[in-house]
PDB file of N, CA and C in Angstrom:
ATOM      1  N   MET A   1      84.390 119.073  62.835  1.00  0.00           N
ATOM      2  CA  MET A   1      85.167 120.298  62.936  1.00  0.00           C
ATOM      3  C   MET A   1      84.764 121.086  64.173  1.00  0.00           C
ATOM      4  N   SER A   2      83.479 121.123  64.451  1.00  0.00           N
ATOM      5  CA  SER A   2      82.987 121.848  65.613  1.00  0.00           C
ATOM      6  C   SER A   2      83.507 121.227  66.907  1.00  0.00           C
ATOM      7  N   ASN A   3      83.521 119.896  66.954  1.00  0.00           N
ATOM      8  CA  ASN A   3      84.044 119.216  68.141  1.00  0.00           C
ATOM      9  C   ASN A   3      85.527 119.512  68.335  1.00  0.00           C
ATOM     10  N   GLU A   4      86.268 119.560  67.255  1.00  0.00           N
ATOM     11  CA  GLU A   4      87.708 119.866  67.332  1.00  0.00           C
ATOM     12  C   GLU A   4      87.923 121.279  67.879  1.00  0.00           C
ATOM     13  N   LEU A   5      87.113 122.216  67.437  1.00  0.00           N
ATOM     14  CA  LEU A   5      87.208 123.597  67.907  1.00  0.00           C
ATOM     15  C   LEU A   5      86.896 123.680  69.398  1.00  0.00           C
ATOM     16  N   ILE A   6      85.877 122.982  69.826  1.00  0.00           N
ATOM     17  CA  ILE A   6      85.516 122.957  71.254  1.00  0.00           C
ATOM     18  C   ILE A   6      86.630 122.324  72.065  1.00  0.00           C
ATOM     19  N   LYS A   7      87.202 121.258  71.537  1.00  0.00           N
ATOM     20  CA  LYS A   7      88.315 120.579  72.210  1.00  0.00           C
ATOM     21  C   LYS A   7      89.512 121.524  72.372  1.00  0.00           C
ATOM     22  N   GLN A   8      89.852 122.242  71.316  1.00  0.00           N
ATOM     23  CA  GLN A   8      90.968 123.193  71.369  1.00  0.00           C
ATOM     24  C   GLN A   8      90.666 124.331  72.341  1.00  0.00           C
ATOM     25  N   TRP A   9      89.454 124.815  72.327  1.00  0.00           N
ATOM     26  CA  TRP A   9      89.062 125.904  73.223  1.00  0.00           C
ATOM     27  C   TRP A   9      89.155 125.442  74.678  1.00  0.00           C
ATOM     28  N   THR A  10      88.716 124.230  74.947  1.00  0.00           N
ATOM     29  CA  THR A  10      88.800 123.660  76.298  1.00  0.00           C
ATOM     30  C   THR A  10      90.254 123.532  76.726  1.00  0.00           C
ATOM     31  N   GLU A  11      91.099 123.060  75.834  1.00  0.00           N
ATOM     32  CA  GLU A  11      92.523 122.923  76.145  1.00  0.00           C
ATOM     33  C   GLU A  11      93.166 124.286  76.397  1.00  0.00           C
ATOM     34  N   LEU A  12      92.789 125.272  75.607  1.00  0.00           N
ATOM     35  CA  LEU A  12      93.306 126.627  75.789  1.00  0.00           C
ATOM     36  C   LEU A  12      92.917 127.168  77.161  1.00  0.00           C
ATOM     37  N   ASN A  13      91.666 126.993  77.536  1.00  0.00           N
ATOM     38  CA  ASN A  13      91.204 127.459  78.843  1.00  0.00           C
ATOM     39  C   ASN A  13      91.896 126.727  79.981  1.00  0.00           C
ATOM     40  N   LYS A  14      92.072 125.413  79.821  1.00  0.00           N
ATOM     41  CA  LYS A  14      92.767 124.619  80.831  1.00  0.00           C
ATOM     42  C   LYS A  14      94.199 125.122  81.009  1.00  0.00           C
ATOM     43  N   ASN A  15      94.888 125.342  79.898  1.00  0.00           N
ATOM     44  CA  ASN A  15      96.270 125.846  79.951  1.00  0.00           C
ATOM     45  C   ASN A  15      96.329 127.234  80.596  1.00  0.00           C
ATOM     46  N   ALA A  16      95.357 128.075  80.282  1.00  0.00           N
ATOM     47  CA  ALA A  16      95.332 129.427  80.852  1.00  0.00           C
ATOM     48  C   ALA A  16      95.124 129.378  82.360  1.00  0.00           C
ATOM     49  N   VAL A  17      94.219 128.524  82.817  1.00  0.00           N
ATOM     50  CA  VAL A  17      93.961 128.399  84.259  1.00  0.00           C
ATOM     51  C   VAL A  17      95.202 127.868  84.972  1.00  0.00           C
ATOM     52  N   GLU A  18      95.847 126.865  84.392  1.00  0.00           N
ATOM     53  CA  GLU A  18      97.068 126.310  84.989  1.00  0.00           C
ATOM     54  C   GLU A  18      98.174 127.366  85.047  1.00  0.00           C
ATOM     55  N   ALA A  19      98.313 128.138  83.994  1.00  0.00           N
ATOM     56  CA  ALA A  19      99.345 129.186  83.961  1.00  0.00           C
ATOM     57  C   ALA A  19      99.069 130.244  85.031  1.00  0.00           C
ATOM     58  N   ILE A  20      97.807 130.610  85.191  1.00  0.00           N
ATOM     59  CA  ILE A  20      97.457 131.611  86.208  1.00  0.00           C
ATOM     60  C   ILE A  20      97.716 131.064  87.610  1.00  0.00           C
ATOM     61  N   LYS A  21      97.406 129.787  87.826  1.00  0.00           N
ATOM     62  CA  LYS A  21      97.688 129.164  89.128  1.00  0.00           C
ATOM     63  C   LYS A  21      99.187 129.191  89.426  1.00  0.00           C
ATOM     64  N   GLU A  22      99.975 128.798  88.416  1.00  0.00           N
ATOM     65  CA  GLU A  22     101.438 128.789  88.597  1.00  0.00           C
ATOM     66  C   GLU A  22     101.961 130.184  88.899  1.00  0.00           C
ATOM     67  N   LEU A  23     101.456 131.180  88.176  1.00  0.00           N
ATOM     68  CA  LEU A  23     101.882 132.550  88.424  1.00  0.00           C
ATOM     69  C   LEU A  23     101.497 132.982  89.835  1.00  0.00           C
ATOM     70  N   GLY A  24     100.314 132.626  90.254  1.00  0.00           N
ATOM     71  CA  GLY A  24      99.874 132.946  91.618  1.00  0.00           C
ATOM     72  C   GLY A  24     100.761 132.304  92.669  1.00  0.00           C
ATOM     73  N   GLU A  25     101.155 131.054  92.439  1.00  0.00           N
ATOM     74  CA  GLU A  25     102.037 130.361  93.376  1.00  0.00           C
ATOM     75  C   GLU A  25     103.408 131.033  93.446  1.00  0.00           C
ATOM     76  N   ILE A  26     103.923 131.429  92.300  1.00  0.00           N
ATOM     77  CA  ILE A  26     105.222 132.126  92.273  1.00  0.00           C
ATOM     78  C   ILE A  26     105.116 133.439  93.045  1.00  0.00           C
ATOM     79  N   ASN A  27     104.071 134.203  92.774  1.00  0.00           N
ATOM     80  CA  ASN A  27     103.892 135.488  93.451  1.00  0.00           C
ATOM     81  C   ASN A  27     103.691 135.321  94.953  1.00  0.00           C
ATOM     82  N   THR A  28     102.878 134.336  95.346  1.00  0.00           N
ATOM     83  CA  THR A  28     102.625 134.100  96.771  1.00  0.00           C
ATOM     84  C   THR A  28     103.911 133.709  97.488  1.00  0.00           C
ATOM     85  N   SER A  29     104.656 132.800  96.884  1.00  0.00           N
ATOM     86  CA  SER A  29     105.912 132.367  97.489  1.00  0.00           C
ATOM     87  C   SER A  29     106.886 133.535  97.632  1.00  0.00           C
ATOM     88  N   THR A  30     107.011 134.318  96.584  1.00  0.00           N
ATOM     89  CA  THR A  30     107.935 135.455  96.611  1.00  0.00           C
ATOM     90  C   THR A  30     107.514 136.476  97.666  1.00  0.00           C
ATOM     91  N   MET A  31     106.242 136.803  97.697  1.00  0.00           N
ATOM     92  CA  MET A  31     105.768 137.798  98.673  1.00  0.00           C
ATOM     93  C   MET A  31     105.910 137.294 100.106  1.00  0.00           C
ATOM     94  N   THR A  32     105.679 136.010 100.317  1.00  0.00           N
ATOM     95  CA  THR A  32     105.848 135.438 101.659  1.00  0.00           C
ATOM     96  C   THR A  32     107.299 135.552 102.104  1.00  0.00           C
ATOM     97  N   ARG A  33     108.201 135.195 101.203  1.00  0.00           N
ATOM     98  CA  ARG A  33     109.626 135.263 101.541  1.00  0.00           C
ATOM     99  C   ARG A  33     110.091 136.703 101.756  1.00  0.00           C
ATOM    100  N   LEU A  34     109.613 137.634 100.923  1.00  0.00           N
ATOM    101  CA  LEU A  34     109.994 139.041 101.089  1.00  0.00           C
ATOM    102  C   LEU A  34     109.413 139.625 102.368  1.00  0.00           C
ATOM    103  N   THR A  35     108.190 139.229 102.702  1.00  0.00           N
ATOM    104  CA  THR A  35     107.575 139.699 103.949  1.00  0.00           C
ATOM    105  C   THR A  35     108.370 139.198 105.151  1.00  0.00           C
ATOM    106  N   GLN A  36     108.824 137.965 105.078  1.00  0.00           N
ATOM    107  CA  GLN A  36     109.651 137.416 106.151  1.00  0.00           C
ATOM    108  C   GLN A  36     110.942 138.228 106.307  1.00  0.00           C
ATOM    109  N   ARG A  37     111.577 138.562 105.184  1.00  0.00           N
ATOM    110  CA  ARG A  37     112.800 139.376 105.234  1.00  0.00           C
ATOM    111  C   ARG A  37     112.495 140.733 105.870  1.00  0.00           C
ATOM    112  N   GLN A  38     111.359 141.318 105.499  1.00  0.00           N
ATOM    113  CA  GLN A  38     110.996 142.634 106.032  1.00  0.00           C
ATOM    114  C   GLN A  38     110.750 142.560 107.544  1.00  0.00           C
ATOM    115  N   MET A  39     110.095 141.507 107.982  1.00  0.00           N
ATOM    116  CA  MET A  39     109.868 141.337 109.420  1.00  0.00           C
ATOM    117  C   MET A  39     111.193 141.176 110.165  1.00  0.00           C
ATOM    118  N   GLU A  40     112.122 140.470 109.554  1.00  0.00           N
ATOM    119  CA  GLU A  40     113.437 140.331 110.170  1.00  0.00           C
ATOM    120  C   GLU A  40     114.147 141.680 110.250  1.00  0.00           C
ATOM    121  N   MET A  41     113.938 142.528 109.245  1.00  0.00           N
ATOM    122  CA  MET A  41     114.530 143.875 109.283  1.00  0.00           C
ATOM    123  C   MET A  41     113.936 144.680 110.442  1.00  0.00           C
ATOM    124  N   VAL A  42     112.627 144.613 110.616  1.00  0.00           N
ATOM    125  CA  VAL A  42     111.970 145.338 111.709  1.00  0.00           C
ATOM    126  C   VAL A  42     112.520 144.846 113.047  1.00  0.00           C
ATOM    127  N   ASN A  43     112.630 143.517 113.191  1.00  0.00           N
ATOM    128  CA  ASN A  43     113.188 142.960 114.428  1.00  0.00           C
ATOM    129  C   ASN A  43     114.621 143.409 114.642  1.00  0.00           C
ATOM    130  N   LEU A  44     115.373 143.478 113.569  1.00  0.00           N
ATOM    131  CA  LEU A  44     116.758 143.914 113.647  1.00  0.00           C
ATOM    132  C   LEU A  44     116.850 145.346 114.175  1.00  0.00           C
ATOM    133  N   TYR A  45     116.019 146.230 113.629  1.00  0.00           N
ATOM    134  CA  TYR A  45     116.020 147.621 114.104  1.00  0.00           C
ATOM    135  C   TYR A  45     115.565 147.716 115.561  1.00  0.00           C
ATOM    136  N   MET A  46     114.589 146.901 115.926  1.00  0.00           N
ATOM    137  CA  MET A  46     114.114 146.911 117.320  1.00  0.00           C
ATOM    138  C   MET A  46     115.222 146.439 118.267  1.00  0.00           C
ATOM    139  N   GLU A  47     115.898 145.363 117.884  1.00  0.00           N
ATOM    140  CA  GLU A  47     117.007 144.860 118.697  1.00  0.00           C
ATOM    141  C   GLU A  47     118.115 145.898 118.811  1.00  0.00           C
ATOM    142  N   GLY A  48     118.445 146.528 117.693  1.00  0.00           N
ATOM    143  CA  GLY A  48     119.495 147.552 117.699  1.00  0.00           C
ATOM    144  C   GLY A  48     119.140 148.710 118.607  1.00  0.00           C
ATOM    145  N   GLY A  49     117.891 149.151 118.533  1.00  0.00           N
ATOM    146  CA  GLY A  49     117.451 150.239 119.404  1.00  0.00           C
ATOM    147  C   GLY A  49     117.495 149.850 120.863  1.00  0.00           C
ATOM    148  N   ALA A  50     117.060 148.639 121.172  1.00  0.00           N
ATOM    149  CA  ALA A  50     117.089 148.164 122.561  1.00  0.00           C
ATOM    150  C   ALA A  50     118.516 148.054 123.069  1.00  0.00           C
ATOM    151  N   LYS A  51     119.419 147.538 122.223  1.00  0.00           N
ATOM    152  CA  LYS A  51     120.831 147.435 122.622  1.00  0.00           C
ATOM    153  C   LYS A  51     121.426 148.818 122.877  1.00  0.00           C
ATOM    154  N   GLN A  52     121.084 149.769 122.014  1.00  0.00           N
ATOM    155  CA  GLN A  52     121.609 151.126 122.206  1.00  0.00           C
ATOM    156  C   GLN A  52     121.109 151.726 123.513  1.00  0.00           C
ATOM    157  N   LEU A  53     119.838 151.582 123.788  1.00  0.00           N
ATOM    158  CA  LEU A  53     119.279 152.130 125.029  1.00  0.00           C
ATOM    159  C   LEU A  53     119.916 151.478 126.248  1.00  0.00           C
ATOM    160  N   GLN A  54     120.064 150.169 126.213  1.00  0.00           N
ATOM    161  CA  GLN A  54     120.678 149.471 127.334  1.00  0.00           C
ATOM    162  C   GLN A  54     122.126 149.920 127.509  1.00  0.00           C
ATOM    163  N   ALA A  55     122.847 150.012 126.416  1.00  0.00           N
ATOM    164  CA  ALA A  55     124.259 150.396 126.482  1.00  0.00           C
ATOM    165  C   ALA A  55     124.401 151.836 126.956  1.00  0.00           C
ATOM    166  N   LEU A  56     123.511 152.713 126.496  1.00  0.00           N
ATOM    167  CA  LEU A  56     123.579 154.110 126.916  1.00  0.00           C
ATOM    168  C   LEU A  56     123.292 154.262 128.406  1.00  0.00           C
ATOM    169  N   SER A  57     122.433 153.409 128.925  1.00  0.00           N
ATOM    170  CA  SER A  57     122.133 153.492 130.361  1.00  0.00           C
ATOM    171  C   SER A  57     123.305 153.014 131.211  1.00  0.00           C
ATOM    172  N   GLU A  58     124.192 152.231 130.626  1.00  0.00           N
ATOM    173  CA  GLU A  58     125.335 151.675 131.364  1.00  0.00           C
ATOM    174  C   GLU A  58     126.626 152.454 131.141  1.00  0.00           C
ATOM    175  N   THR A  59     126.637 153.387 130.221  1.00  0.00           N
ATOM    176  CA  THR A  59     127.874 154.122 129.926  1.00  0.00           C
ATOM    177  C   THR A  59     128.108 155.223 130.945  1.00  0.00           C
ATOM    178  N   LYS A  60     129.381 155.626 131.047  1.00  0.00           N
ATOM    179  CA  LYS A  60     129.751 156.629 132.047  1.00  0.00           C
ATOM    180  C   LYS A  60     130.293 157.909 131.436  1.00  0.00           C
ATOM    181  N   GLY A  61     130.483 157.920 130.130  1.00  0.00           N
ATOM    182  CA  GLY A  61     131.012 159.127 129.514  1.00  0.00           C
ATOM    183  C   GLY A  61     130.811 159.104 128.006  1.00  0.00           C
ATOM    184  N   VAL A  62     131.154 160.236 127.391  1.00  0.00           N
ATOM    185  CA  VAL A  62     130.974 160.379 125.952  1.00  0.00           C
ATOM    186  C   VAL A  62     131.779 159.337 125.167  1.00  0.00           C
ATOM    187  N   PRO A  63     133.042 159.066 125.517  1.00  0.00           N
ATOM    188  CA  PRO A  63     133.786 158.049 124.767  1.00  0.00           C
ATOM    189  C   PRO A  63     133.102 156.676 124.801  1.00  0.00           C
ATOM    190  N   ASP A  64     132.524 156.343 125.956  1.00  0.00           N
ATOM    191  CA  ASP A  64     131.807 155.067 126.065  1.00  0.00           C
ATOM    192  C   ASP A  64     130.572 155.054 125.167  1.00  0.00           C
ATOM    193  N   ILE A  65     129.862 156.178 125.114  1.00  0.00           N
ATOM    194  CA  ILE A  65     128.661 156.280 124.279  1.00  0.00           C
ATOM    195  C   ILE A  65     129.036 156.087 122.809  1.00  0.00           C
ATOM    196  N   VAL A  66     130.087 156.760 122.372  1.00  0.00           N
ATOM    197  CA  VAL A  66     130.524 156.657 120.978  1.00  0.00           C
ATOM    198  C   VAL A  66     130.958 155.224 120.659  1.00  0.00           C
ATOM    199  N   ALA A  67     131.719 154.622 121.555  1.00  0.00           N
ATOM    200  CA  ALA A  67     132.189 153.247 121.333  1.00  0.00           C
ATOM    201  C   ALA A  67     131.003 152.283 121.273  1.00  0.00           C
ATOM    202  N   THR A  68     130.050 152.468 122.168  1.00  0.00           N
ATOM    203  CA  THR A  68     128.876 151.589 122.204  1.00  0.00           C
ATOM    204  C   THR A  68     128.043 151.744 120.938  1.00  0.00           C
ATOM    205  N   GLN A  69     127.809 152.984 120.524  1.00  0.00           N
ATOM    206  CA  GLN A  69     127.023 153.216 119.307  1.00  0.00           C
ATOM    207  C   GLN A  69     127.734 152.656 118.080  1.00  0.00           C
ATOM    208  N   THR A  70     129.035 152.794 118.041  1.00  0.00           N
ATOM    209  CA  THR A  70     129.805 152.256 116.923  1.00  0.00           C
ATOM    210  C   THR A  70     129.676 150.737 116.868  1.00  0.00           C
ATOM    211  N   GLN A  71     129.793 150.103 118.017  1.00  0.00           N
ATOM    212  CA  GLN A  71     129.688 148.650 118.077  1.00  0.00           C
ATOM    213  C   GLN A  71     128.293 148.181 117.659  1.00  0.00           C
ATOM    214  N   VAL A  72     127.265 148.828 118.196  1.00  0.00           N
ATOM    215  CA  VAL A  72     125.889 148.440 117.863  1.00  0.00           C
ATOM    216  C   VAL A  72     125.620 148.663 116.376  1.00  0.00           C
ATOM    217  N   MET A  73     126.035 149.785 115.837  1.00  0.00           N
ATOM    218  CA  MET A  73     125.794 150.078 114.420  1.00  0.00           C
ATOM    219  C   MET A  73     126.564 149.123 113.513  1.00  0.00           C
ATOM    220  N   THR A  74     127.757 148.727 113.921  1.00  0.00           N
ATOM    221  CA  THR A  74     128.526 147.751 113.142  1.00  0.00           C
ATOM    222  C   THR A  74     127.770 146.425 113.067  1.00  0.00           C
ATOM    223  N   GLU A  75     127.263 145.974 114.214  1.00  0.00           N
ATOM    224  CA  GLU A  75     126.489 144.723 114.240  1.00  0.00           C
ATOM    225  C   GLU A  75     125.239 144.834 113.375  1.00  0.00           C
ATOM    226  N   VAL A  76     124.520 145.944 113.509  1.00  0.00           N
ATOM    227  CA  VAL A  76     123.287 146.141 112.750  1.00  0.00           C
ATOM    228  C   VAL A  76     123.599 146.181 111.252  1.00  0.00           C
ATOM    229  N   ASN A  77     124.645 146.888 110.868  1.00  0.00           N
ATOM    230  CA  ASN A  77     125.016 146.981 109.452  1.00  0.00           C
ATOM    231  C   ASN A  77     125.378 145.619 108.863  1.00  0.00           C
ATOM    232  N   GLU A  78     126.084 144.791 109.625  1.00  0.00           N
ATOM    233  CA  GLU A  78     126.438 143.455 109.145  1.00  0.00           C
ATOM    234  C   GLU A  78     125.170 142.634 108.894  1.00  0.00           C
ATOM    235  N   LYS A  79     124.235 142.709 109.823  1.00  0.00           N
ATOM    236  CA  LYS A  79     122.983 141.967 109.681  1.00  0.00           C
ATOM    237  C   LYS A  79     122.141 142.540 108.536  1.00  0.00           C
ATOM    238  N   LEU A  80     122.184 143.849 108.354  1.00  0.00           N
ATOM    239  CA  LEU A  80     121.461 144.472 107.246  1.00  0.00           C
ATOM    240  C   LEU A  80     122.016 144.011 105.903  1.00  0.00           C
ATOM    241  N   MET A  81     123.317 143.930 105.806  1.00  0.00           N
ATOM    242  CA  MET A  81     123.942 143.482 104.562  1.00  0.00           C
ATOM    243  C   MET A  81     123.562 142.033 104.257  1.00  0.00           C
ATOM    244  N   GLU A  82     123.525 141.197 105.279  1.00  0.00           N
ATOM    245  CA  GLU A  82     123.126 139.803 105.081  1.00  0.00           C
ATOM    246  C   GLU A  82     121.663 139.732 104.645  1.00  0.00           C
ATOM    247  N   ASN A  83     120.831 140.551 105.264  1.00  0.00           N
ATOM    248  CA  ASN A  83     119.423 140.585 104.884  1.00  0.00           C
ATOM    249  C   ASN A  83     119.264 141.054 103.444  1.00  0.00           C
ATOM    250  N   ALA A  84     120.019 142.058 103.052  1.00  0.00           N
ATOM    251  CA  ALA A  84     119.967 142.560 101.675  1.00  0.00           C
ATOM    252  C   ALA A  84     120.415 141.482 100.689  1.00  0.00           C
ATOM    253  N   ARG A  85     121.439 140.727 101.052  1.00  0.00           N
ATOM    254  CA  ARG A  85     121.924 139.634 100.200  1.00  0.00           C
ATOM    255  C   ARG A  85     120.835 138.576 100.035  1.00  0.00           C
ATOM    256  N   GLN A  86     120.182 138.220 101.128  1.00  0.00           N
ATOM    257  CA  GLN A  86     119.118 137.223 101.067  1.00  0.00           C
ATOM    258  C   GLN A  86     117.927 137.732 100.257  1.00  0.00           C
ATOM    259  N   THR A  87     117.631 139.013 100.385  1.00  0.00           N
ATOM    260  CA  THR A  87     116.544 139.609  99.605  1.00  0.00           C
ATOM    261  C   THR A  87     116.867 139.541  98.122  1.00  0.00           C
ATOM    262  N   MET A  88     118.102 139.827  97.753  1.00  0.00           N
ATOM    263  CA  MET A  88     118.511 139.733  96.346  1.00  0.00           C
ATOM    264  C   MET A  88     118.385 138.298  95.837  1.00  0.00           C
ATOM    265  N   GLU A  89     118.723 137.325  96.668  1.00  0.00           N
ATOM    266  CA  GLU A  89     118.576 135.921  96.270  1.00  0.00           C
ATOM    267  C   GLU A  89     117.107 135.593  95.995  1.00  0.00           C
ATOM    268  N   ILE A  90     116.212 136.112  96.825  1.00  0.00           N
ATOM    269  CA  ILE A  90     114.776 135.893  96.630  1.00  0.00           C
ATOM    270  C   ILE A  90     114.332 136.499  95.308  1.00  0.00           C
ATOM    271  N   LEU A  91     114.780 137.719  95.040  1.00  0.00           N
ATOM    272  CA  LEU A  91     114.386 138.392  93.797  1.00  0.00           C
ATOM    273  C   LEU A  91     114.956 137.693  92.563  1.00  0.00           C
ATOM    274  N   ILE A  92     116.179 137.226  92.652  1.00  0.00           N
ATOM    275  CA  ILE A  92     116.789 136.497  91.533  1.00  0.00           C
ATOM    276  C   ILE A  92     116.034 135.189  91.306  1.00  0.00           C
ATOM    277  N   ASP A  93     115.681 134.514  92.379  1.00  0.00           N
ATOM    278  CA  ASP A  93     114.914 133.275  92.267  1.00  0.00           C
ATOM    279  C   ASP A  93     113.553 133.548  91.626  1.00  0.00           C
ATOM    280  N   ALA A  94     112.899 134.633  92.043  1.00  0.00           N
ATOM    281  CA  ALA A  94     111.601 134.995  91.461  1.00  0.00           C
ATOM    282  C   ALA A  94     111.743 135.281  89.968  1.00  0.00           C
ATOM    283  N   LYS A  95     112.804 135.982  89.593  1.00  0.00           N
ATOM    284  CA  LYS A  95     113.048 136.287  88.175  1.00  0.00           C
ATOM    285  C   LYS A  95     113.231 134.996  87.382  1.00  0.00           C
ATOM    286  N   THR A  96     113.991 134.063  87.932  1.00  0.00           N
ATOM    287  CA  THR A  96     114.222 132.782  87.265  1.00  0.00           C
ATOM    288  C   THR A  96     112.912 132.018  87.093  1.00  0.00           C
ATOM    289  N   GLN A  97     112.111 131.992  88.164  1.00  0.00           N
ATOM    290  CA  GLN A  97     110.832 131.284  88.096  1.00  0.00           C
ATOM    291  C   GLN A  97     109.893 131.943  87.082  1.00  0.00           C
ATOM    292  N   LEU A  98     109.854 133.271  87.085  1.00  0.00           N
ATOM    293  CA  LEU A  98     108.974 133.975  86.149  1.00  0.00           C
ATOM    294  C   LEU A  98     109.432 133.789  84.703  1.00  0.00           C
ATOM    295  N   SER A  99     110.734 133.760  84.477  1.00  0.00           N
ATOM    296  CA  SER A  99     111.250 133.519  83.123  1.00  0.00           C
ATOM    297  C   SER A  99     110.869 132.125  82.648  1.00  0.00           C
ATOM    298  N   ALA A 100     111.026 131.141  83.526  1.00  0.00           N
ATOM    299  CA  ALA A 100     110.661 129.767  83.169  1.00  0.00           C
ATOM    300  C   ALA A 100     109.155 129.670  82.911  1.00  0.00           C
ATOM    301  N   TRP A 101     108.376 130.354  83.735  1.00  0.00           N
ATOM    302  CA  TRP A 101     106.920 130.365  83.564  1.00  0.00           C
ATOM    303  C   TRP A 101     106.544 130.985  82.220  1.00  0.00           C
ATOM    304  N   ALA A 102     107.167 132.089  81.864  1.00  0.00           N
ATOM    305  CA  ALA A 102     106.871 132.761  80.601  1.00  0.00           C
ATOM    306  C   ALA A 102     107.257 131.877  79.411  1.00  0.00           C
ATOM    307  N   GLU A 103     108.423 131.264  79.489  1.00  0.00           N
ATOM    308  CA  GLU A 103     108.857 130.372  78.406  1.00  0.00           C
ATOM    309  C   GLU A 103     107.891 129.206  78.241  1.00  0.00           C
ATOM    310  N   LYS A 104     107.467 128.621  79.342  1.00  0.00           N
ATOM    311  CA  LYS A 104     106.520 127.514  79.295  1.00  0.00           C
ATOM    312  C   LYS A 104     105.194 127.966  78.685  1.00  0.00           C
ATOM    313  N   SER A 105     104.741 129.158  79.062  1.00  0.00           N
ATOM    314  CA  SER A 105     103.488 129.691  78.520  1.00  0.00           C
ATOM    315  C   SER A 105     103.584 129.915  77.016  1.00  0.00           C
ATOM    316  N   VAL A 106     104.706 130.432  76.575  1.00  0.00           N
ATOM    317  CA  VAL A 106     104.902 130.646  75.132  1.00  0.00           C
ATOM    318  C   VAL A 106     104.929 129.305  74.405  1.00  0.00           C
ATOM    319  N   GLU A 107     105.631 128.321  74.974  1.00  0.00           N
ATOM    320  CA  GLU A 107     105.684 126.994  74.354  1.00  0.00           C
ATOM    321  C   GLU A 107     104.290 126.382  74.253  1.00  0.00           C
ATOM    322  N   ASN A 108     103.501 126.502  75.337  1.00  0.00           N
ATOM    323  CA  ASN A 108     102.144 125.960  75.323  1.00  0.00           C
ATOM    324  C   ASN A 108     101.293 126.653  74.262  1.00  0.00           C
ATOM    325  N   ALA A 109     101.413 127.968  74.185  1.00  0.00           N
ATOM    326  CA  ALA A 109     100.632 128.719  73.192  1.00  0.00           C
ATOM    327  C   ALA A 109     101.065 128.342  71.780  1.00  0.00           C
ATOM    328  N   THR A 110     102.355 128.214  71.562  1.00  0.00           N
ATOM    329  CA  THR A 110     102.863 127.844  70.247  1.00  0.00           C
ATOM    330  C   THR A 110     102.386 126.446  69.856  1.00  0.00           C
ATOM    331  N   THR A 111     102.445 125.531  70.804  1.00  0.00           N
ATOM    332  CA  THR A 111     101.982 124.168  70.541  1.00  0.00           C
ATOM    333  C   THR A 111     100.500 124.167  70.196  1.00  0.00           C
ATOM    334  N   LEU A 112      99.722 124.895  70.971  1.00  0.00           N
ATOM    335  CA  LEU A 112      98.282 124.946  70.727  1.00  0.00           C
ATOM    336  C   LEU A 112      97.969 125.588  69.373  1.00  0.00           C
ATOM    337  N   LEU A 113      98.681 126.658  69.048  1.00  0.00           N
ATOM    338  CA  LEU A 113      98.466 127.301  67.747  1.00  0.00           C
ATOM    339  C   LEU A 113      98.892 126.387  66.602  1.00  0.00           C
ATOM    340  N   GLY A 114      99.948 125.605  66.826  1.00  0.00           N
ATOM    341  CA  GLY A 114     100.392 124.649  65.813  1.00  0.00           C
ATOM    342  C   GLY A 114      99.339 123.587  65.570  1.00  0.00           C
ATOM    343  N   LYS A 115      98.700 123.135  66.650  1.00  0.00           N
ATOM    344  CA  LYS A 115      97.632 122.146  66.512  1.00  0.00           C
ATOM    345  C   LYS A 115      96.443 122.754  65.770  1.00  0.00           C
ATOM    346  N   LYS A 116      96.156 124.002  66.099  1.00  0.00           N
ATOM    347  CA  LYS A 116      95.008 124.667  65.482  1.00  0.00           C
ATOM    348  C   LYS A 116      95.231 124.832  63.978  1.00  0.00           C
ATOM    349  N   SER A 117      96.423 125.289  63.598  1.00  0.00           N
ATOM    350  CA  SER A 117      96.680 125.501  62.176  1.00  0.00           C
ATOM    351  C   SER A 117      96.770 124.166  61.431  1.00  0.00           C
ATOM    352  N   ALA A 118      97.237 123.139  62.093  1.00  0.00           N
ATOM    353  CA  ALA A 118      97.297 121.810  61.466  1.00  0.00           C
ATOM    354  C   ALA A 118      95.903 121.255  61.260  1.00  0.00           C
ATOM    355  N   SER A 119      95.027 121.465  62.236  1.00  0.00           N
ATOM    356  CA  SER A 119      93.664 120.949  62.101  1.00  0.00           C
ATOM    357  C   SER A 119      92.870 121.782  61.099  1.00  0.00           C
ATOM    358  N   GLY A 120      93.226 123.048  60.940  1.00  0.00           N
ATOM    359  CA  GLY A 120      92.544 123.915  59.978  1.00  0.00           C
ATOM    360  C   GLY A 120      92.884 123.532  58.549  1.00  0.00           C
ATOM    361  N   LYS A 121      94.028 122.874  58.332  1.00  0.00           N
ATOM    362  CA  LYS A 121      94.449 122.491  56.979  1.00  0.00           C
ATOM    363  C   LYS A 121      93.769 121.201  56.517  1.00  0.00           C
ATOM    364  N   LYS A 122      93.208 120.455  57.491  1.00  0.00           N
ATOM    365  CA  LYS A 122      92.585 119.180  57.135  1.00  0.00           C
ATOM    366  C   LYS A 122      91.355 119.345  56.297  1.00  0.00           C
TER     367      LYS A 122
END
């Protein structure tokens, strides 16, 4: 009986370590992808600012300035919307992975508890 208890405890610890590793991998992957999106946003704002400055230096009047700013902001907004869409995809993917991870963890715990209660009846 003592050996069975040690065996179950070892299996429980093994499952817990594996679950923590999987959770860490999900979190690392998600944070890496989100950080990449954020860096792209920073680059986008830098590009937009540079385009505005360049365009403003080449304009000859207020109508040109307004037209240039409108064009630059339209481009930036389109890229921002695409970035936001990609960010949502990352978050949805993370939610799916975390849900699957949680379900797997519950199944493992249920299986282990089932083994424990079955061995306790012997």
